[in-house]
């Protein structure tokens, strides 16, 4: 098992890719804190059903109080924090698709909402766990970026900017934390049809992207992204830091 007895926090893990990450980590022997603004108990039950250990917390990553409690409760339960996966993120008002609009029609509220979760949330979660990682002599932080951090998307400026910020923050944290044996990397998926993406994009759009914009004409699945996150969180990535690994079947090269 690649994560045997490691303690990992995965934010945004009540559903979608975060849930897949949590289950994969549990299969690899990790003890998990799963956090979300949604109910994480069903995922904790799935983990326990396969013999794993999980602490389910309701956590708003934009709240410094919540993120500090997340770290403290993890240490209280498991004794340490080896891995943080910053997966919690939002796209916009996916129910109405009103986030897909030109720059001049974006409101300050649109901008603030996206960056509060996608940038401030990463910052606060890192701030919460870093003191524990320093004290214990090391750790792994994996931030979830996106292909749009490099390509940019029209009518999607706020989300693209937030994920570009994650890439830059990853580099800065890696530079600051290397001397403490803390690795900080990012994984940048392309379009993966999770629940949120299914509510945002049509199946026809996705099929066209796979057929005409990816070098490998196969759909990227959450399990593919989980494999990359697992690698970055494992001992196999001990000498890798400050990097962003694209998992997009060649949709974008960087």
C-alpha atoms as a PDB file:
ATOM      1  CA  UNK A   1       0.000   0.000   0.000  1.00  0.00           C
ATOM      2  CA  UNK A   2       1.464   3.313  -1.117  1.00  0.00           C
ATOM      3  CA  UNK A   3      -0.049   5.409   1.683  1.00  0.00           C
ATOM      4  CA  UNK A   4      -0.028   2.929   4.547  1.00  0.00           C
ATOM      5  CA  UNK A   5      -0.590   4.743   7.871  1.00  0.00           C
ATOM      6  CA  UNK A   6      -0.398   8.174   6.212  1.00  0.00           C
ATOM      7  CA  UNK A   7      -2.955  10.751   7.336  1.00  0.00           C
ATOM      8  CA  UNK A   8      -4.599  12.736   4.547  1.00  0.00           C
ATOM      9  CA  UNK A   9      -7.079  15.604   4.421  1.00  0.00           C
ATOM     10  CA  UNK A  10      -9.096  15.872   1.210  1.00  0.00           C
ATOM     11  CA  UNK A  11     -11.339  18.909   0.815  1.00  0.00           C
ATOM     12  CA  UNK A  12     -14.421  18.902  -1.380  1.00  0.00           C
ATOM     13  CA  UNK A  13     -14.710  15.148  -0.959  1.00  0.00           C
ATOM     14  CA  UNK A  14     -18.448  14.605  -0.518  1.00  0.00           C
ATOM     15  CA  UNK A  15     -18.876  13.870  -4.220  1.00  0.00           C
ATOM     16  CA  UNK A  16     -17.207  14.043  -7.627  1.00  0.00           C
ATOM     17  CA  UNK A  17     -13.459  13.721  -7.940  1.00  0.00           C
ATOM     18  CA  UNK A  18     -12.907  14.364  -4.230  1.00  0.00           C
ATOM     19  CA  UNK A  19     -14.926  11.264  -3.357  1.00  0.00           C
ATOM     20  CA  UNK A  20     -12.914   9.209  -5.865  1.00  0.00           C
ATOM     21  CA  UNK A  21      -9.656  10.542  -4.384  1.00  0.00           C
ATOM     22  CA  UNK A  22     -10.789   9.634  -0.866  1.00  0.00           C
ATOM     23  CA  UNK A  23     -11.729   6.072  -1.807  1.00  0.00           C
ATOM     24  CA  UNK A  24      -8.455   5.557  -3.707  1.00  0.00           C
ATOM     25  CA  UNK A  25      -6.410   6.898  -0.798  1.00  0.00           C
ATOM     26  CA  UNK A  26      -8.281   4.595   1.593  1.00  0.00           C
ATOM     27  CA  UNK A  27      -7.535   1.610  -0.643  1.00  0.00           C
ATOM     28  CA  UNK A  28      -3.864   2.586  -0.450  1.00  0.00           C
ATOM     29  CA  UNK A  29      -3.902   2.551   3.360  1.00  0.00           C
ATOM     30  CA  UNK A  30      -4.410   6.224   4.257  1.00  0.00           C
ATOM     31  CA  UNK A  31      -6.384   7.446   7.244  1.00  0.00           C
ATOM     32  CA  UNK A  32      -8.654  10.200   6.005  1.00  0.00           C
ATOM     33  CA  UNK A  33     -10.306  13.424   6.987  1.00  0.00           C
ATOM     34  CA  UNK A  34     -12.928  14.166   4.375  1.00  0.00           C
ATOM     35  CA  UNK A  35     -14.287  17.701   4.311  1.00  0.00           C
ATOM     36  CA  UNK A  36     -17.007  19.519   2.421  1.00  0.00           C
ATOM     37  CA  UNK A  37     -19.832  21.988   2.854  1.00  0.00           C
ATOM     38  CA  UNK A  38     -21.994  19.005   1.860  1.00  0.00           C
ATOM     39  CA  UNK A  39     -22.560  15.913   3.993  1.00  0.00           C
ATOM     40  CA  UNK A  40     -19.453  13.697   3.973  1.00  0.00           C
ATOM     41  CA  UNK A  41     -20.874  10.926   6.144  1.00  0.00           C
ATOM     42  CA  UNK A  42     -21.910   8.712   3.186  1.00  0.00           C
ATOM     43  CA  UNK A  43     -18.330   8.779   1.876  1.00  0.00           C
ATOM     44  CA  UNK A  44     -16.983   8.025   5.362  1.00  0.00           C
ATOM     45  CA  UNK A  45     -19.304   5.011   5.474  1.00  0.00           C
ATOM     46  CA  UNK A  46     -17.986   3.840   2.083  1.00  0.00           C
ATOM     47  CA  UNK A  47     -14.425   4.101   3.378  1.00  0.00           C
ATOM     48  CA  UNK A  48     -15.225   2.237   6.575  1.00  0.00           C
ATOM     49  CA  UNK A  49     -16.993  -0.459   4.543  1.00  0.00           C
ATOM     50  CA  UNK A  50     -13.696  -1.273   2.819  1.00  0.00           C
ATOM     51  CA  UNK A  51     -11.814  -1.359   6.115  1.00  0.00           C
ATOM     52  CA  UNK A  52     -10.538   2.218   6.165  1.00  0.00           C
ATOM     53  CA  UNK A  53     -10.649   4.966   8.784  1.00  0.00           C
ATOM     54  CA  UNK A  54     -12.346   8.297   8.087  1.00  0.00           C
ATOM     55  CA  UNK A  55     -13.265  11.470   9.933  1.00  0.00           C
ATOM     56  CA  UNK A  56     -16.076  13.389   8.228  1.00  0.00           C
ATOM     57  CA  UNK A  57     -16.180  17.142   8.806  1.00  0.00           C
ATOM     58  CA  UNK A  58     -18.446  19.882   7.514  1.00  0.00           C
ATOM     59  CA  UNK A  59     -15.915  22.509   6.473  1.00  0.00           C
ATOM     60  CA  UNK A  60     -16.240  25.818   4.653  1.00  0.00           C
ATOM     61  CA  UNK A  61     -12.775  26.365   3.174  1.00  0.00           C
ATOM     62  CA  UNK A  62     -13.381  30.124   3.003  1.00  0.00           C
ATOM     63  CA  UNK A  63     -13.609  30.209   6.814  1.00  0.00           C
ATOM     64  CA  UNK A  64     -10.360  30.504   8.767  1.00  0.00           C
ATOM     65  CA  UNK A  65     -12.149  29.129  11.821  1.00  0.00           C
ATOM     66  CA  UNK A  66     -13.371  26.067   9.924  1.00  0.00           C
ATOM     67  CA  UNK A  67     -10.015  25.291   8.303  1.00  0.00           C
ATOM     68  CA  UNK A  68      -8.150  25.665  11.584  1.00  0.00           C
ATOM     69  CA  UNK A  69     -10.648  23.290  13.218  1.00  0.00           C
ATOM     70  CA  UNK A  70     -10.210  20.865  10.297  1.00  0.00           C
ATOM     71  CA  UNK A  71      -6.477  20.636  10.943  1.00  0.00           C
ATOM     72  CA  UNK A  72      -6.801  20.460  14.727  1.00  0.00           C
ATOM     73  CA  UNK A  73      -9.486  17.763  14.654  1.00  0.00           C
ATOM     74  CA  UNK A  74      -7.406  15.701  12.245  1.00  0.00           C
ATOM     75  CA  UNK A  75      -4.421  15.816  14.601  1.00  0.00           C
ATOM     76  CA  UNK A  76      -6.656  15.093  17.579  1.00  0.00           C
ATOM     77  CA  UNK A  77      -8.035  11.988  15.822  1.00  0.00           C
ATOM     78  CA  UNK A  78      -4.988  10.657  13.965  1.00  0.00           C
ATOM     79  CA  UNK A  79      -1.974  12.352  15.581  1.00  0.00           C
ATOM     80  CA  UNK A  80      -0.504  14.025  12.479  1.00  0.00           C
ATOM     81  CA  UNK A  81      -1.168  15.401   8.968  1.00  0.00           C
ATOM     82  CA  UNK A  82       0.927  13.902   6.170  1.00  0.00           C
ATOM     83  CA  UNK A  83      -1.073  14.977   3.117  1.00  0.00           C
ATOM     84  CA  UNK A  84      -3.405  17.813   2.162  1.00  0.00           C
ATOM     85  CA  UNK A  85      -5.333  17.646  -1.109  1.00  0.00           C
ATOM     86  CA  UNK A  86      -6.917  21.005  -1.900  1.00  0.00           C
ATOM     87  CA  UNK A  87      -9.765  19.791  -4.079  1.00  0.00           C
ATOM     88  CA  UNK A  88     -12.642  22.029  -2.951  1.00  0.00           C
ATOM     89  CA  UNK A  89     -13.598  24.420  -5.755  1.00  0.00           C
ATOM     90  CA  UNK A  90     -16.589  25.906  -7.514  1.00  0.00           C
ATOM     91  CA  UNK A  91     -17.212  26.884 -11.113  1.00  0.00           C
ATOM     92  CA  UNK A  92     -20.114  29.256 -10.788  1.00  0.00           C
ATOM     93  CA  UNK A  93     -23.884  29.130 -10.791  1.00  0.00           C
ATOM     94  CA  UNK A  94     -23.911  25.842 -12.630  1.00  0.00           C
ATOM     95  CA  UNK A  95     -27.622  25.344 -12.128  1.00  0.00           C
ATOM     96  CA  UNK A  96     -28.412  28.290 -14.395  1.00  0.00           C
ATOM     97  CA  UNK A  97     -25.138  28.403 -16.377  1.00  0.00           C
ATOM     98  CA  UNK A  98     -25.082  32.167 -15.831  1.00  0.00           C
ATOM     99  CA  UNK A  99     -21.351  32.058 -15.120  1.00  0.00           C
ATOM    100  CA  UNK A 100     -20.731  31.706 -18.871  1.00  0.00           C
ATOM    101  CA  UNK A 101     -20.733  35.384 -19.749  1.00  0.00           C
ATOM    102  CA  UNK A 102     -18.364  37.948 -21.208  1.00  0.00           C
ATOM    103  CA  UNK A 103     -15.945  39.792 -18.953  1.00  0.00           C
ATOM    104  CA  UNK A 104     -17.903  43.044 -18.991  1.00  0.00           C
ATOM    105  CA  UNK A 105     -20.999  41.247 -17.701  1.00  0.00           C
ATOM    106  CA  UNK A 106     -19.271  39.540 -14.791  1.00  0.00           C
ATOM    107  CA  UNK A 107     -20.210  41.104 -11.475  1.00  0.00           C
ATOM    108  CA  UNK A 108     -17.938  41.690  -8.523  1.00  0.00           C
ATOM    109  CA  UNK A 109     -20.031  39.103  -6.671  1.00  0.00           C
ATOM    110  CA  UNK A 110     -19.335  36.524  -9.412  1.00  0.00           C
ATOM    111  CA  UNK A 111     -15.612  37.226  -9.145  1.00  0.00           C
ATOM    112  CA  UNK A 112     -15.503  37.233  -5.339  1.00  0.00           C
ATOM    113  CA  UNK A 113     -17.437  33.975  -4.997  1.00  0.00           C
ATOM    114  CA  UNK A 114     -15.149  32.022  -7.319  1.00  0.00           C
ATOM    115  CA  UNK A 115     -11.896  33.383  -5.889  1.00  0.00           C
ATOM    116  CA  UNK A 116     -13.070  33.006  -2.290  1.00  0.00           C
ATOM    117  CA  UNK A 117     -13.326  29.229  -2.643  1.00  0.00           C
ATOM    118  CA  UNK A 118     -10.743  28.512  -5.329  1.00  0.00           C
ATOM    119  CA  UNK A 119      -7.927  30.778  -4.096  1.00  0.00           C
ATOM    120  CA  UNK A 120      -8.654  31.873  -0.537  1.00  0.00           C
ATOM    121  CA  UNK A 121      -9.780  28.338   0.313  1.00  0.00           C
ATOM    122  CA  UNK A 122      -6.464  26.857  -0.834  1.00  0.00           C
ATOM    123  CA  UNK A 123      -4.584  29.539   1.094  1.00  0.00           C
ATOM    124  CA  UNK A 124      -6.507  28.936   4.331  1.00  0.00           C
ATOM    125  CA  UNK A 125      -6.218  25.148   4.180  1.00  0.00           C
ATOM    126  CA  UNK A 126      -2.474  25.371   3.576  1.00  0.00           C
ATOM    127  CA  UNK A 127      -2.115  27.902   6.380  1.00  0.00           C
ATOM    128  CA  UNK A 128      -3.954  25.541   8.714  1.00  0.00           C
ATOM    129  CA  UNK A 129      -1.853  22.421   8.052  1.00  0.00           C
ATOM    130  CA  UNK A 130       1.642  23.852   7.453  1.00  0.00           C
ATOM    131  CA  UNK A 131       2.517  24.363  11.163  1.00  0.00           C
ATOM    132  CA  UNK A 132       1.769  20.683  11.861  1.00  0.00           C
ATOM    133  CA  UNK A 133       3.778  19.542   8.833  1.00  0.00           C
ATOM    134  CA  UNK A 134       6.736  21.699   9.854  1.00  0.00           C
ATOM    135  CA  UNK A 135       6.628  20.339  13.399  1.00  0.00           C
ATOM    136  CA  UNK A 136       6.587  16.703  12.256  1.00  0.00           C
ATOM    137  CA  UNK A 137       9.346  17.253   9.673  1.00  0.00           C
ATOM    138  CA  UNK A 138       7.543  17.135   6.346  1.00  0.00           C
ATOM    139  CA  UNK A 139       4.408  16.574   4.323  1.00  0.00           C
ATOM    140  CA  UNK A 140       2.782  16.671   0.913  1.00  0.00           C
ATOM    141  CA  UNK A 141       0.368  19.301  -0.412  1.00  0.00           C
ATOM    142  CA  UNK A 142      -1.433  18.642  -3.695  1.00  0.00           C
ATOM    143  CA  UNK A 143      -3.471  21.500  -5.155  1.00  0.00           C
ATOM    144  CA  UNK A 144      -6.084  20.952  -7.836  1.00  0.00           C
ATOM    145  CA  UNK A 145      -5.557  23.302 -10.768  1.00  0.00           C
ATOM    146  CA  UNK A 146      -7.045  22.944 -14.265  1.00  0.00           C
ATOM    147  CA  UNK A 147      -6.085  22.968 -17.919  1.00  0.00           C
ATOM    148  CA  UNK A 148      -7.851  26.348 -18.148  1.00  0.00           C
ATOM    149  CA  UNK A 149      -5.046  27.822 -16.023  1.00  0.00           C
ATOM    150  CA  UNK A 150      -2.904  27.608 -19.170  1.00  0.00           C
ATOM    151  CA  UNK A 151      -5.369  27.850 -22.037  1.00  0.00           C
ATOM    152  CA  UNK A 152      -7.769  30.433 -20.627  1.00  0.00           C
ATOM    153  CA  UNK A 153     -11.385  30.334 -21.682  1.00  0.00           C
ATOM    154  CA  UNK A 154     -13.558  33.169 -22.973  1.00  0.00           C
ATOM    155  CA  UNK A 155     -16.653  33.777 -20.843  1.00  0.00           C
ATOM    156  CA  UNK A 156     -14.874  31.867 -18.066  1.00  0.00           C
ATOM    157  CA  UNK A 157     -12.341  34.480 -16.938  1.00  0.00           C
ATOM    158  CA  UNK A 158     -12.935  34.263 -13.190  1.00  0.00           C
ATOM    159  CA  UNK A 159     -12.531  30.486 -13.061  1.00  0.00           C
ATOM    160  CA  UNK A 160      -9.474  30.564 -15.345  1.00  0.00           C
ATOM    161  CA  UNK A 161      -7.895  33.269 -13.173  1.00  0.00           C
ATOM    162  CA  UNK A 162      -8.563  31.295 -10.004  1.00  0.00           C
ATOM    163  CA  UNK A 163      -6.885  28.168 -11.344  1.00  0.00           C
ATOM    164  CA  UNK A 164      -3.962  30.190 -12.688  1.00  0.00           C
ATOM    165  CA  UNK A 165      -3.602  31.524  -9.170  1.00  0.00           C
ATOM    166  CA  UNK A 166      -3.477  27.978  -7.813  1.00  0.00           C
ATOM    167  CA  UNK A 167      -0.544  27.187 -10.132  1.00  0.00           C
ATOM    168  CA  UNK A 168       1.339  30.299  -9.010  1.00  0.00           C
ATOM    169  CA  UNK A 169       0.564  29.683  -5.339  1.00  0.00           C
ATOM    170  CA  UNK A 170       1.854  26.127  -5.730  1.00  0.00           C
ATOM    171  CA  UNK A 171       5.201  27.407  -6.980  1.00  0.00           C
ATOM    172  CA  UNK A 172       5.466  30.013  -4.243  1.00  0.00           C
ATOM    173  CA  UNK A 173       4.632  27.548  -1.481  1.00  0.00           C
ATOM    174  CA  UNK A 174       7.068  24.995  -2.860  1.00  0.00           C
ATOM    175  CA  UNK A 175       9.813  27.619  -2.771  1.00  0.00           C
ATOM    176  CA  UNK A 176       8.942  28.638   0.771  1.00  0.00           C
ATOM    177  CA  UNK A 177       8.497  25.155   2.221  1.00  0.00           C
ATOM    178  CA  UNK A 178      11.202  23.032   0.619  1.00  0.00           C
ATOM    179  CA  UNK A 179      13.599  23.539   3.511  1.00  0.00           C
ATOM    180  CA  UNK A 180      10.971  21.983   5.792  1.00  0.00           C
ATOM    181  CA  UNK A 181      10.688  18.853   3.613  1.00  0.00           C
ATOM    182  CA  UNK A 182       7.191  19.837   2.481  1.00  0.00           C
ATOM    183  CA  UNK A 183       6.446  19.099  -1.173  1.00  0.00           C
ATOM    184  CA  UNK A 184       3.847  21.255  -2.905  1.00  0.00           C
ATOM    185  CA  UNK A 185       2.569  20.268  -6.337  1.00  0.00           C
ATOM    186  CA  UNK A 186      -0.545  20.701  -8.465  1.00  0.00           C
ATOM    187  CA  UNK A 187      -2.565  18.438 -10.722  1.00  0.00           C
ATOM    188  CA  UNK A 188      -4.372  20.063 -13.646  1.00  0.00           C
ATOM    189  CA  UNK A 189      -7.191  17.959 -15.113  1.00  0.00           C
ATOM    190  CA  UNK A 190      -8.886  18.696 -18.392  1.00  0.00           C
ATOM    191  CA  UNK A 191     -12.640  18.335 -18.666  1.00  0.00           C
ATOM    192  CA  UNK A 192     -13.851  15.417 -16.545  1.00  0.00           C
ATOM    193  CA  UNK A 193     -17.582  14.742 -16.539  1.00  0.00           C
ATOM    194  CA  UNK A 194     -18.277  14.778 -12.808  1.00  0.00           C
ATOM    195  CA  UNK A 195     -21.725  15.731 -11.467  1.00  0.00           C
ATOM    196  CA  UNK A 196     -20.863  19.424 -11.675  1.00  0.00           C
ATOM    197  CA  UNK A 197     -19.547  19.150 -15.227  1.00  0.00           C
ATOM    198  CA  UNK A 198     -22.582  17.166 -16.367  1.00  0.00           C
ATOM    199  CA  UNK A 199     -24.741  20.041 -15.141  1.00  0.00           C
ATOM    200  CA  UNK A 200     -22.573  22.490 -17.078  1.00  0.00           C
ATOM    201  CA  UNK A 201     -21.675  20.880 -20.409  1.00  0.00           C
ATOM    202  CA  UNK A 202     -23.673  18.733 -22.818  1.00  0.00           C
ATOM    203  CA  UNK A 203     -22.561  15.229 -23.708  1.00  0.00           C
ATOM    204  CA  UNK A 204     -22.263  16.393 -27.323  1.00  0.00           C
ATOM    205  CA  UNK A 205     -19.789  19.113 -26.342  1.00  0.00           C
ATOM    206  CA  UNK A 206     -17.724  16.596 -24.415  1.00  0.00           C
ATOM    207  CA  UNK A 207     -17.683  14.079 -27.253  1.00  0.00           C
ATOM    208  CA  UNK A 208     -16.484  16.795 -29.649  1.00  0.00           C
ATOM    209  CA  UNK A 209     -13.681  17.818 -27.266  1.00  0.00           C
ATOM    210  CA  UNK A 210     -12.464  14.230 -26.909  1.00  0.00           C
ATOM    211  CA  UNK A 211     -12.582  13.595 -30.650  1.00  0.00           C
ATOM    212  CA  UNK A 212     -11.086  16.844 -31.916  1.00  0.00           C
ATOM    213  CA  UNK A 213      -9.096  18.554 -29.153  1.00  0.00           C
ATOM    214  CA  UNK A 214      -7.364  15.720 -27.293  1.00  0.00           C
ATOM    215  CA  UNK A 215      -4.277  13.987 -28.668  1.00  0.00           C
ATOM    216  CA  UNK A 216      -5.462  10.760 -27.065  1.00  0.00           C
ATOM    217  CA  UNK A 217      -9.099  10.241 -28.001  1.00  0.00           C
ATOM    218  CA  UNK A 218     -10.179   8.699 -24.727  1.00  0.00           C
ATOM    219  CA  UNK A 219     -12.306  10.251 -21.995  1.00  0.00           C
ATOM    220  CA  UNK A 220     -10.416  11.366 -18.897  1.00  0.00           C
ATOM    221  CA  UNK A 221     -12.060   9.705 -15.906  1.00  0.00           C
ATOM    222  CA  UNK A 222     -11.921  10.751 -12.230  1.00  0.00           C
ATOM    223  CA  UNK A 223      -9.856   7.613 -11.586  1.00  0.00           C
ATOM    224  CA  UNK A 224      -7.199   8.896 -14.020  1.00  0.00           C
ATOM    225  CA  UNK A 225      -6.896  12.110 -12.030  1.00  0.00           C
ATOM    226  CA  UNK A 226      -6.889  10.159  -8.752  1.00  0.00           C
ATOM    227  CA  UNK A 227      -3.861   8.196  -9.958  1.00  0.00           C
ATOM    228  CA  UNK A 228      -1.925  11.434 -10.515  1.00  0.00           C
ATOM    229  CA  UNK A 229      -2.949  12.878  -7.142  1.00  0.00           C
ATOM    230  CA  UNK A 230      -1.984   9.620  -5.435  1.00  0.00           C
ATOM    231  CA  UNK A 231       1.443   9.721  -7.076  1.00  0.00           C
ATOM    232  CA  UNK A 232       2.075  13.313  -5.964  1.00  0.00           C
ATOM    233  CA  UNK A 233       0.999  12.416  -2.410  1.00  0.00           C
ATOM    234  CA  UNK A 234       3.165   9.301  -2.216  1.00  0.00           C
ATOM    235  CA  UNK A 235       6.803   8.752  -1.278  1.00  0.00           C
ATOM    236  CA  UNK A 236       7.495   8.195  -4.982  1.00  0.00           C
ATOM    237  CA  UNK A 237       7.211  11.968  -5.463  1.00  0.00           C
ATOM    238  CA  UNK A 238       9.645  12.899  -2.681  1.00  0.00           C
ATOM    239  CA  UNK A 239      11.939  14.736  -5.115  1.00  0.00           C
ATOM    240  CA  UNK A 240       9.160  16.533  -7.003  1.00  0.00           C
ATOM    241  CA  UNK A 241       7.985  19.958  -5.886  1.00  0.00           C
ATOM    242  CA  UNK A 242       6.639  23.143  -7.445  1.00  0.00           C
ATOM    243  CA  UNK A 243       5.317  21.252 -10.477  1.00  0.00           C
ATOM    244  CA  UNK A 244       1.940  21.083 -12.201  1.00  0.00           C
ATOM    245  CA  UNK A 245       1.010  17.761 -13.790  1.00  0.00           C
ATOM    246  CA  UNK A 246      -1.584  17.912 -16.562  1.00  0.00           C
ATOM    247  CA  UNK A 247      -4.065  15.039 -16.834  1.00  0.00           C
ATOM    248  CA  UNK A 248      -5.961  15.976 -19.977  1.00  0.00           C
ATOM    249  CA  UNK A 249      -5.185  13.368 -22.678  1.00  0.00           C
ATOM    250  CA  UNK A 250      -3.171  15.993 -24.544  1.00  0.00           C
ATOM    251  CA  UNK A 251      -5.901  18.628 -24.723  1.00  0.00           C
ATOM    252  CA  UNK A 252      -3.287  21.230 -23.782  1.00  0.00           C
ATOM    253  CA  UNK A 253       0.501  20.904 -23.692  1.00  0.00           C
ATOM    254  CA  UNK A 254       2.701  23.013 -21.397  1.00  0.00           C
END
